[in-house]
Amino acid sequence: EAVLTLLALDRAGAQAVCFAPDKPQRHVINHLSGEEMAESRNVLIESARIARGAVQPLALAEAAQLDALIVPGGFGAAKNLSNFAEAGAECWVDEDLARLTREMHK
């Protein structure tokens, strides 16, 4: 989701700015076996790997500096930006994402 979104924005001439929470991933998965791994990874660092470059901490995102907000989906987003994967409609949302989303709608 993230890679194709960034590609489409680039082809449209838009300047994308990437943000991610600076916190540990809730789970690290071995995608060959589907098993959870015991190691710890940082969401911000993993996001930089996916985005192939500069990713800023989500806590630094300011709505006044953005024209749009795109949140790529996927199970990683459901687990690291909220607990929707476990709690469904009763979930919490990352406080920095919730703040930014509210600011974008003002």
C-alpha atoms as a PDB file:
ATOM      1  CA  GLU A   1       0.000   0.000   0.000  1.00  0.00           C
ATOM      2  CA  ALA A   2       2.671   2.523   0.976  1.00  0.00           C
ATOM      3  CA  VAL A   3       5.004   1.900  -1.965  1.00  0.00           C
ATOM      4  CA  LEU A   4       2.291   2.160  -4.617  1.00  0.00           C
ATOM      5  CA  THR A   5       0.815   5.249  -2.959  1.00  0.00           C
ATOM      6  CA  LEU A   6       4.224   6.940  -2.971  1.00  0.00           C
ATOM      7  CA  LEU A   7       4.740   5.954  -6.619  1.00  0.00           C
ATOM      8  CA  ALA A   8       1.361   7.380  -7.657  1.00  0.00           C
ATOM      9  CA  LEU A   9       1.988  10.634  -5.787  1.00  0.00           C
ATOM     10  CA  ASP A  10       5.426  10.971  -7.387  1.00  0.00           C
ATOM     11  CA  ARG A  11       4.006  10.372 -10.867  1.00  0.00           C
ATOM     12  CA  ALA A  12       1.365  13.035 -10.182  1.00  0.00           C
ATOM     13  CA  GLY A  13       4.084  15.529  -9.255  1.00  0.00           C
ATOM     14  CA  ALA A  14       3.138  15.689  -5.583  1.00  0.00           C
ATOM     15  CA  GLN A  15       5.725  15.957  -2.836  1.00  0.00           C
ATOM     16  CA  ALA A  16       5.068  13.193  -0.311  1.00  0.00           C
ATOM     17  CA  VAL A  17       6.139  13.563   3.305  1.00  0.00           C
ATOM     18  CA  CYS A  18       6.202  10.340   5.308  1.00  0.00           C
ATOM     19  CA  PHE A  19       5.534  10.019   9.025  1.00  0.00           C
ATOM     20  CA  ALA A  20       5.422   7.048  11.379  1.00  0.00           C
ATOM     21  CA  PRO A  21       5.177   6.535  15.123  1.00  0.00           C
ATOM     22  CA  ASP A  22       8.526   6.293  16.884  1.00  0.00           C
ATOM     23  CA  LYS A  23       7.689   3.251  18.994  1.00  0.00           C
ATOM     24  CA  PRO A  24       8.215  -0.518  19.048  1.00  0.00           C
ATOM     25  CA  GLN A  25       6.160  -2.661  16.697  1.00  0.00           C
ATOM     26  CA  ARG A  26       3.441  -4.556  18.521  1.00  0.00           C
ATOM     27  CA  HIS A  27       4.513  -7.833  16.855  1.00  0.00           C
ATOM     28  CA  VAL A  28       7.385  -8.837  14.583  1.00  0.00           C
ATOM     29  CA  ILE A  29       6.360 -11.497  12.080  1.00  0.00           C
ATOM     30  CA  ASN A  30       8.536 -13.849  10.032  1.00  0.00           C
ATOM     31  CA  HIS A  31       6.746 -13.517   6.696  1.00  0.00           C
ATOM     32  CA  LEU A  32       8.213 -16.792   5.421  1.00  0.00           C
ATOM     33  CA  SER A  33       6.661 -18.875   8.190  1.00  0.00           C
ATOM     34  CA  GLY A  34       3.905 -16.559   9.439  1.00  0.00           C
ATOM     35  CA  GLU A  35       5.210 -17.020  12.978  1.00  0.00           C
ATOM     36  CA  GLU A  36       5.745 -14.246  15.500  1.00  0.00           C
ATOM     37  CA  MET A  37       9.408 -13.536  16.242  1.00  0.00           C
ATOM     38  CA  ALA A  38      10.871 -12.689  19.654  1.00  0.00           C
ATOM     39  CA  GLU A  39      12.850  -9.681  18.396  1.00  0.00           C
ATOM     40  CA  SER A  40      11.818  -6.036  18.658  1.00  0.00           C
ATOM     41  CA  ARG A  41      11.673  -3.532  15.787  1.00  0.00           C
ATOM     42  CA  ASN A  42      10.888   0.160  15.686  1.00  0.00           C
ATOM     43  CA  VAL A  43       7.926   1.323  13.570  1.00  0.00           C
ATOM     44  CA  LEU A  44       9.754   4.487  12.431  1.00  0.00           C
ATOM     45  CA  ILE A  45      12.836   2.551  11.310  1.00  0.00           C
ATOM     46  CA  GLU A  46      10.775  -0.107   9.512  1.00  0.00           C
ATOM     47  CA  SER A  47       8.760   2.642   7.820  1.00  0.00           C
ATOM     48  CA  ALA A  48      11.966   4.235   6.523  1.00  0.00           C
ATOM     49  CA  ARG A  49      12.908   0.883   4.998  1.00  0.00           C
ATOM     50  CA  ILE A  50       9.560   0.639   3.217  1.00  0.00           C
ATOM     51  CA  ALA A  51       9.483   4.294   2.110  1.00  0.00           C
ATOM     52  CA  ARG A  52      13.132   4.120   0.988  1.00  0.00           C
ATOM     53  CA  GLY A  53      14.150   7.283   2.724  1.00  0.00           C
ATOM     54  CA  ALA A  54      13.315  10.034   5.111  1.00  0.00           C
ATOM     55  CA  VAL A  55      10.444   9.339   7.462  1.00  0.00           C
ATOM     56  CA  GLN A  56       9.733  11.746  10.288  1.00  0.00           C
ATOM     57  CA  PRO A  57       8.249  10.936  13.684  1.00  0.00           C
ATOM     58  CA  LEU A  58       4.456  11.177  13.576  1.00  0.00           C
ATOM     59  CA  ALA A  59       4.567  13.350  16.705  1.00  0.00           C
ATOM     60  CA  LEU A  60       6.177  16.111  14.586  1.00  0.00           C
ATOM     61  CA  ALA A  61       3.479  16.150  11.879  1.00  0.00           C
ATOM     62  CA  GLU A  62       1.597  19.447  11.612  1.00  0.00           C
ATOM     63  CA  ALA A  63      -1.656  19.739   9.679  1.00  0.00           C
ATOM     64  CA  ALA A  64      -0.831  23.309   8.614  1.00  0.00           C
ATOM     65  CA  GLN A  65       2.139  21.958   6.636  1.00  0.00           C
ATOM     66  CA  LEU A  66       0.108  19.319   4.754  1.00  0.00           C
ATOM     67  CA  ASP A  67      -2.410  19.439   1.902  1.00  0.00           C
ATOM     68  CA  ALA A  68      -3.724  15.919   2.445  1.00  0.00           C
ATOM     69  CA  LEU A  69      -3.418  12.944   4.756  1.00  0.00           C
ATOM     70  CA  ILE A  70      -3.109   9.425   3.369  1.00  0.00           C
ATOM     71  CA  VAL A  71      -2.862   6.515   5.788  1.00  0.00           C
ATOM     72  CA  PRO A  72      -1.933   3.333   3.898  1.00  0.00           C
ATOM     73  CA  GLY A  73      -3.760   0.313   5.239  1.00  0.00           C
ATOM     74  CA  GLY A  74      -2.709  -3.221   5.901  1.00  0.00           C
ATOM     75  CA  PHE A  75      -2.476  -5.360   8.986  1.00  0.00           C
ATOM     76  CA  GLY A  76       0.631  -3.527  10.201  1.00  0.00           C
ATOM     77  CA  ALA A  77      -1.312  -0.267  10.297  1.00  0.00           C
ATOM     78  CA  ALA A  78      -4.196  -1.981  12.072  1.00  0.00           C
ATOM     79  CA  LYS A  79      -1.785  -3.251  14.739  1.00  0.00           C
ATOM     80  CA  ASN A  80       0.602  -0.303  15.120  1.00  0.00           C
ATOM     81  CA  LEU A  81      -1.646   2.726  14.585  1.00  0.00           C
ATOM     82  CA  SER A  82      -4.470   1.288  16.668  1.00  0.00           C
ATOM     83  CA  ASN A  83      -5.597  -1.918  18.293  1.00  0.00           C
ATOM     84  CA  PHE A  84      -8.367  -2.373  15.723  1.00  0.00           C
ATOM     85  CA  ALA A  85      -7.032  -5.837  14.836  1.00  0.00           C
ATOM     86  CA  GLU A  86      -7.907  -7.027  18.348  1.00  0.00           C
ATOM     87  CA  ALA A  87     -10.672  -4.690  19.542  1.00  0.00           C
ATOM     88  CA  GLY A  88     -12.639  -3.817  16.406  1.00  0.00           C
ATOM     89  CA  ALA A  89     -15.010  -0.875  16.862  1.00  0.00           C
ATOM     90  CA  GLU A  90     -13.951  -0.484  20.515  1.00  0.00           C
ATOM     91  CA  CYS A  91     -10.340   0.224  19.515  1.00  0.00           C
ATOM     92  CA  TRP A  92      -8.023   3.053  20.478  1.00  0.00           C
ATOM     93  CA  VAL A  93      -6.074   5.023  17.860  1.00  0.00           C
ATOM     94  CA  ASP A  94      -2.478   6.236  18.199  1.00  0.00           C
ATOM     95  CA  GLU A  95      -2.766   9.631  19.900  1.00  0.00           C
ATOM     96  CA  ASP A  96      -0.501  11.408  17.385  1.00  0.00           C
ATOM     97  CA  LEU A  97      -2.510  10.035  14.453  1.00  0.00           C
ATOM     98  CA  ALA A  98      -5.787  10.983  16.152  1.00  0.00           C
ATOM     99  CA  ARG A  99      -4.483  14.518  16.803  1.00  0.00           C
ATOM    100  CA  LEU A 100      -3.276  14.969  13.222  1.00  0.00           C
ATOM    101  CA  THR A 101      -6.518  13.614  11.784  1.00  0.00           C
ATOM    102  CA  ARG A 102      -8.581  16.009  13.910  1.00  0.00           C
ATOM    103  CA  GLU A 103      -6.322  18.925  12.898  1.00  0.00           C
ATOM    104  CA  MET A 104      -6.664  18.042   9.197  1.00  0.00           C
ATOM    105  CA  HIS A 105     -10.462  18.236   9.501  1.00  0.00           C
ATOM    106  CA  LYS A 106     -10.522  21.752  11.017  1.00  0.00           C
END
